[in-house]
Amino acid sequence: MKNIARINNVAFGICILLSITIYLTIIALPILGLIQIISALLISFKIKEKTKDLKTNISIYWVLVLSNLLLMHLNSDMLFNNDYSLYIFIIIPIAIAIYFLYICNTLIKL
């Protein structure tokens, strides 16, 4: 599990470094999202041996991810044509990524 946290920390760090321009962020966020979803699946399958707080946090993470994917799907026809696109496609995913980093870093402490 420590390796999962390290991989996520490195991927998030690279994504933040690439955030110097908005275009590189758009490229890096899907890669970070894929890494974090695969990591979350691994954690979810091994959750039986974890604490109740971790189970709650990973459940909240899945609700956030699925909600944001639904928002992205609903706004995909208006991609970057409305005021909320920046939030839906960039800011919310980064916030969810930070939340997953919190989950991974608490996982290291267990």
Protein backbone atom coordinates (compact mmCIF):
# COMPACT_ATOMS: atom_id res chain seq x y z
CA MET A 1 0.00 0.00 0.00
CA LYS A 2 2.95 2.32 0.56
CA ASN A 3 3.86 1.94 -3.11
CA ILE A 4 0.36 3.05 -4.13
CA ALA A 5 0.74 6.18 -2.01
CA ARG A 6 4.19 6.93 -3.43
CA ILE A 7 3.01 6.51 -7.02
CA ASN A 8 0.07 8.84 -6.36
CA ASN A 9 2.29 11.43 -4.68
CA VAL A 10 4.68 11.45 -7.64
CA ALA A 11 1.86 11.56 -10.22
CA PHE A 12 0.16 14.43 -8.36
CA GLY A 13 3.45 16.31 -8.08
CA ILE A 14 4.05 15.96 -11.82
CA CYS A 15 0.49 17.13 -12.52
CA ILE A 16 0.95 20.20 -10.33
CA LEU A 17 4.29 21.00 -12.01
CA LEU A 18 2.62 20.70 -15.41
CA SER A 19 -0.09 23.08 -14.22
CA ILE A 20 2.09 26.01 -15.20
CA THR A 21 -0.07 26.23 -18.30
CA ILE A 22 -3.70 25.24 -18.61
CA TYR A 23 -2.97 23.07 -21.64
CA LEU A 24 -0.51 20.82 -19.86
CA THR A 25 -2.98 20.48 -17.00
CA ILE A 26 -5.61 19.22 -19.41
CA ILE A 27 -3.14 16.58 -20.59
CA ALA A 28 -1.91 15.57 -17.12
CA LEU A 29 -5.26 15.37 -15.29
CA PRO A 30 -6.66 12.35 -17.19
CA ILE A 31 -3.41 10.46 -16.60
CA LEU A 32 -3.51 11.33 -12.89
CA GLY A 33 -7.18 10.36 -12.76
CA LEU A 34 -6.49 6.98 -14.34
CA ILE A 35 -3.66 6.29 -11.88
CA GLN A 36 -5.85 7.28 -8.94
CA ILE A 37 -8.86 5.24 -10.09
CA ILE A 38 -6.69 2.13 -10.50
CA SER A 39 -5.19 2.78 -7.07
CA ALA A 40 -8.63 3.27 -5.55
CA LEU A 41 -9.78 -0.02 -7.05
CA LEU A 42 -6.80 -1.78 -5.48
CA ILE A 43 -7.51 -0.18 -2.12
CA SER A 44 -11.21 -1.01 -2.40
CA PHE A 45 -10.50 -4.69 -2.98
CA LYS A 46 -8.15 -4.81 0.02
CA ILE A 47 -10.42 -2.74 2.24
CA LYS A 48 -11.54 -5.70 4.36
CA GLU A 49 -8.46 -5.40 6.49
CA LYS A 50 -8.64 -1.62 6.90
CA THR A 51 -10.28 0.66 9.43
CA LYS A 52 -13.80 2.04 9.32
CA ASP A 53 -12.47 5.56 8.63
CA LEU A 54 -10.67 4.33 5.52
CA LYS A 55 -13.81 2.56 4.32
CA THR A 56 -15.78 5.77 4.81
CA ASN A 57 -13.15 7.88 3.04
CA ILE A 58 -12.90 5.56 0.06
CA SER A 59 -16.70 5.48 -0.23
CA ILE A 60 -16.80 9.28 -0.22
CA TYR A 61 -14.06 9.28 -2.85
CA TRP A 62 -16.08 7.00 -5.14
CA VAL A 63 -19.18 9.18 -4.75
CA LEU A 64 -17.13 12.27 -5.64
CA VAL A 65 -15.53 10.61 -8.65
CA LEU A 66 -18.79 9.25 -10.03
CA SER A 67 -20.55 12.59 -9.44
CA ASN A 68 -17.85 14.50 -11.25
CA LEU A 69 -17.86 12.01 -14.14
CA LEU A 70 -21.59 12.53 -14.43
CA LEU A 71 -21.10 16.31 -14.48
CA MET A 72 -18.42 15.94 -17.13
CA HIS A 73 -20.68 13.79 -19.25
CA LEU A 74 -23.59 16.21 -18.94
CA ASN A 75 -21.38 19.17 -19.91
CA SER A 76 -19.33 17.43 -22.60
CA ASP A 77 -21.37 18.97 -25.41
CA MET A 78 -20.58 22.44 -24.07
CA LEU A 79 -16.90 21.75 -23.47
CA PHE A 80 -15.30 24.96 -22.26
CA ASN A 81 -18.20 27.06 -23.56
CA ASN A 82 -19.71 27.94 -20.21
CA ASP A 83 -18.55 29.44 -16.96
CA TYR A 84 -18.58 26.16 -15.06
CA SER A 85 -16.27 24.21 -17.37
CA LEU A 86 -13.12 25.33 -15.56
CA TYR A 87 -14.54 24.03 -12.29
CA ILE A 88 -15.94 20.78 -13.68
CA PHE A 89 -12.95 19.79 -15.79
CA ILE A 90 -10.00 21.16 -13.80
CA ILE A 91 -10.64 22.48 -10.28
CA ILE A 92 -12.97 19.74 -8.99
CA PRO A 93 -10.74 16.91 -10.30
CA ILE A 94 -7.71 18.50 -8.62
CA ALA A 95 -9.68 18.78 -5.37
CA ILE A 96 -10.68 15.11 -5.65
CA ALA A 97 -7.04 14.21 -6.34
CA ILE A 98 -5.98 16.07 -3.19
CA TYR A 99 -8.61 14.16 -1.22
CA PHE A 100 -7.29 10.87 -2.59
CA LEU A 101 -3.75 11.89 -1.61
CA TYR A 102 -5.07 12.41 1.91
CA ILE A 103 -6.54 8.89 1.82
CA CYS A 104 -3.25 7.42 0.57
CA ASN A 105 -1.17 9.28 3.14
CA THR A 106 -3.42 8.07 5.97
CA LEU A 107 -3.08 4.59 4.48
CA ILE A 108 0.70 4.78 4.94
CA LYS A 109 0.24 5.48 8.64
CA LEU A 110 -1.85 2.34 9.19
